Amino acid sequence: MSKALLQNKMKSKGTAYLCFLFLGSHYLYMGKYLLQILFWITFGGLFIWAIIDLLTLSSRIDGYNARLAMQIEQLERGEREHMIKSMAAIQGKDIDAAFE
């Protein structure tokens, strides 16, 4: 997956709260379709689940974004290593030992 695509998948807390307040569609915003259907069918767990979601939505968004940031970092690290190996190959050096 490309870095730009992952950056576009980052979620906004403000948008998540707006989705929660309008139709309780915050799980749709996060791509959790089955949970969203269950949330709607149970009326937000008779509003208990809704209150818990209201209090934990911010940390869920932070966790989601942190996982994406970690994937972006891994992609960047791979790109840097590839660039270093390519430059070393052009210069005729054996750089593989440095990454092991």
C-alpha atoms as a PDB file:
ATOM      1  CA  MET A   1       0.000   0.000   0.000  1.00  0.00           C
ATOM      2  CA  SER A   2       1.341   3.431  -0.848  1.00  0.00           C
ATOM      3  CA  LYS A   3       2.256   6.082   1.683  1.00  0.00           C
ATOM      4  CA  ALA A   4      -0.167   8.624   0.218  1.00  0.00           C
ATOM      5  CA  LEU A   5      -3.054   6.146   0.395  1.00  0.00           C
ATOM      6  CA  LEU A   6      -2.309   5.421   4.054  1.00  0.00           C
ATOM      7  CA  GLN A   7      -2.111   9.139   4.848  1.00  0.00           C
ATOM      8  CA  ASN A   8      -5.519   9.639   3.229  1.00  0.00           C
ATOM      9  CA  LYS A   9      -6.960   6.931   5.496  1.00  0.00           C
ATOM     10  CA  MET A  10      -6.125   8.925   8.646  1.00  0.00           C
ATOM     11  CA  LYS A  11      -9.289   9.780  10.585  1.00  0.00           C
ATOM     12  CA  SER A  12     -10.331  13.045  12.195  1.00  0.00           C
ATOM     13  CA  LYS A  13     -11.733  13.103  15.730  1.00  0.00           C
ATOM     14  CA  GLY A  14     -14.083  15.935  14.806  1.00  0.00           C
ATOM     15  CA  THR A  15     -15.519  14.029  11.875  1.00  0.00           C
ATOM     16  CA  ALA A  16     -15.882  10.900  14.017  1.00  0.00           C
ATOM     17  CA  TYR A  17     -17.846  12.823  16.656  1.00  0.00           C
ATOM     18  CA  LEU A  18     -20.048  14.399  13.971  1.00  0.00           C
ATOM     19  CA  CYS A  19     -20.764  10.938  12.572  1.00  0.00           C
ATOM     20  CA  PHE A  20     -21.576   9.755  16.104  1.00  0.00           C
ATOM     21  CA  LEU A  21     -23.986  12.625  16.725  1.00  0.00           C
ATOM     22  CA  PHE A  22     -25.729  12.308  13.354  1.00  0.00           C
ATOM     23  CA  LEU A  23     -27.239   8.843  12.975  1.00  0.00           C
ATOM     24  CA  GLY A  24     -24.630   7.195  15.194  1.00  0.00           C
ATOM     25  CA  SER A  25     -22.594   6.263  12.123  1.00  0.00           C
ATOM     26  CA  HIS A  26     -19.123   6.469  13.664  1.00  0.00           C
ATOM     27  CA  TYR A  27     -18.409   2.789  13.003  1.00  0.00           C
ATOM     28  CA  LEU A  28     -19.134   3.338   9.308  1.00  0.00           C
ATOM     29  CA  TYR A  29     -16.584   6.148   9.335  1.00  0.00           C
ATOM     30  CA  MET A  30     -13.999   3.743  10.734  1.00  0.00           C
ATOM     31  CA  GLY A  31     -14.910   1.004   8.256  1.00  0.00           C
ATOM     32  CA  LYS A  32     -16.447  -1.386  10.810  1.00  0.00           C
ATOM     33  CA  TYR A  33     -19.683  -2.177   9.011  1.00  0.00           C
ATOM     34  CA  LEU A  34     -20.850  -5.173  11.059  1.00  0.00           C
ATOM     35  CA  LEU A  35     -20.365  -3.300  14.326  1.00  0.00           C
ATOM     36  CA  GLN A  36     -22.323  -0.403  12.876  1.00  0.00           C
ATOM     37  CA  ILE A  37     -25.269  -2.642  12.006  1.00  0.00           C
ATOM     38  CA  LEU A  38     -25.166  -4.190  15.486  1.00  0.00           C
ATOM     39  CA  PHE A  39     -25.000  -0.715  17.043  1.00  0.00           C
ATOM     40  CA  TRP A  40     -28.095   0.365  15.129  1.00  0.00           C
ATOM     41  CA  ILE A  41     -30.054  -2.853  15.790  1.00  0.00           C
ATOM     42  CA  THR A  42     -29.466  -2.633  19.568  1.00  0.00           C
ATOM     43  CA  PHE A  43     -30.088   1.140  19.658  1.00  0.00           C
ATOM     44  CA  GLY A  44     -26.537   1.658  20.832  1.00  0.00           C
ATOM     45  CA  GLY A  45     -26.792  -1.156  23.342  1.00  0.00           C
ATOM     46  CA  LEU A  46     -29.831   0.567  24.823  1.00  0.00           C
ATOM     47  CA  PHE A  47     -27.696   3.713  24.948  1.00  0.00           C
ATOM     48  CA  ILE A  48     -25.136   2.157  27.312  1.00  0.00           C
ATOM     49  CA  TRP A  49     -22.901   1.222  24.383  1.00  0.00           C
ATOM     50  CA  ALA A  50     -23.460   4.700  22.946  1.00  0.00           C
ATOM     51  CA  ILE A  51     -22.293   6.379  26.155  1.00  0.00           C
ATOM     52  CA  ILE A  52     -19.195   4.169  26.282  1.00  0.00           C
ATOM     53  CA  ASP A  53     -18.475   4.994  22.625  1.00  0.00           C
ATOM     54  CA  LEU A  54     -18.886   8.690  23.321  1.00  0.00           C
ATOM     55  CA  LEU A  55     -16.255   8.471  26.057  1.00  0.00           C
ATOM     56  CA  THR A  56     -13.805   6.234  24.149  1.00  0.00           C
ATOM     57  CA  LEU A  57     -14.164   7.482  20.572  1.00  0.00           C
ATOM     58  CA  SER A  58     -11.195   9.824  20.811  1.00  0.00           C
ATOM     59  CA  SER A  59      -8.815   7.076  21.957  1.00  0.00           C
ATOM     60  CA  ARG A  60     -10.135   4.712  19.260  1.00  0.00           C
ATOM     61  CA  ILE A  61      -9.335   7.304  16.601  1.00  0.00           C
ATOM     62  CA  ASP A  62      -5.885   7.833  18.136  1.00  0.00           C
ATOM     63  CA  GLY A  63      -5.238   4.077  18.070  1.00  0.00           C
ATOM     64  CA  TYR A  64      -6.432   3.768  14.475  1.00  0.00           C
ATOM     65  CA  ASN A  65      -4.212   6.660  13.378  1.00  0.00           C
ATOM     66  CA  ALA A  66      -1.241   5.296  15.359  1.00  0.00           C
ATOM     67  CA  ARG A  67      -1.497   1.964  13.516  1.00  0.00           C
ATOM     68  CA  LEU A  68      -1.558   3.812  10.190  1.00  0.00           C
ATOM     69  CA  ALA A  69       1.415   5.955  11.248  1.00  0.00           C
ATOM     70  CA  MET A  70       3.353   2.795  12.100  1.00  0.00           C
ATOM     71  CA  GLN A  71       2.625   1.360   8.640  1.00  0.00           C
ATOM     72  CA  ILE A  72       3.725   4.634   7.029  1.00  0.00           C
ATOM     73  CA  GLU A  73       6.944   4.559   9.066  1.00  0.00           C
ATOM     74  CA  GLN A  74       7.647   0.979   7.950  1.00  0.00           C
ATOM     75  CA  LEU A  75       7.121   1.983   4.316  1.00  0.00           C
ATOM     76  CA  GLU A  76       9.456   4.952   4.706  1.00  0.00           C
ATOM     77  CA  ARG A  77      12.095   2.774   6.368  1.00  0.00           C
ATOM     78  CA  GLY A  78      11.838   0.273   3.517  1.00  0.00           C
ATOM     79  CA  GLU A  79      12.152   3.058   0.953  1.00  0.00           C
ATOM     80  CA  ARG A  80      15.257   4.439   2.703  1.00  0.00           C
ATOM     81  CA  GLU A  81      16.885   1.002   2.858  1.00  0.00           C
ATOM     82  CA  HIS A  82      16.089   0.408  -0.810  1.00  0.00           C
ATOM     83  CA  MET A  83      17.562   3.781  -1.740  1.00  0.00           C
ATOM     84  CA  ILE A  84      20.740   3.134   0.266  1.00  0.00           C
ATOM     85  CA  LYS A  85      21.154  -0.318  -1.303  1.00  0.00           C
ATOM     86  CA  SER A  86      20.589   1.105  -4.779  1.00  0.00           C
ATOM     87  CA  MET A  87      23.168   3.837  -4.242  1.00  0.00           C
ATOM     88  CA  ALA A  88      25.631   1.309  -2.841  1.00  0.00           C
ATOM     89  CA  ALA A  89      25.075  -0.950  -5.858  1.00  0.00           C
ATOM     90  CA  ILE A  90      25.773   1.980  -8.169  1.00  0.00           C
ATOM     91  CA  GLN A  91      28.993   2.694  -6.275  1.00  0.00           C
ATOM     92  CA  GLY A  92      29.876  -1.009  -6.244  1.00  0.00           C
ATOM     93  CA  LYS A  93      29.827  -1.444  -2.453  1.00  0.00           C
ATOM     94  CA  ASP A  94      28.380  -4.376  -0.506  1.00  0.00           C
ATOM     95  CA  ILE A  95      25.935  -2.727   1.893  1.00  0.00           C
ATOM     96  CA  ASP A  96      23.761  -5.781   2.757  1.00  0.00           C
ATOM     97  CA  ALA A  97      25.888  -6.519   5.816  1.00  0.00           C
ATOM     98  CA  ALA A  98      24.901  -3.184   7.358  1.00  0.00           C
ATOM     99  CA  PHE A  99      21.196  -4.154   7.436  1.00  0.00           C
ATOM    100  CA  GLU A 100      21.617  -7.586   8.966  1.00  0.00           C
END
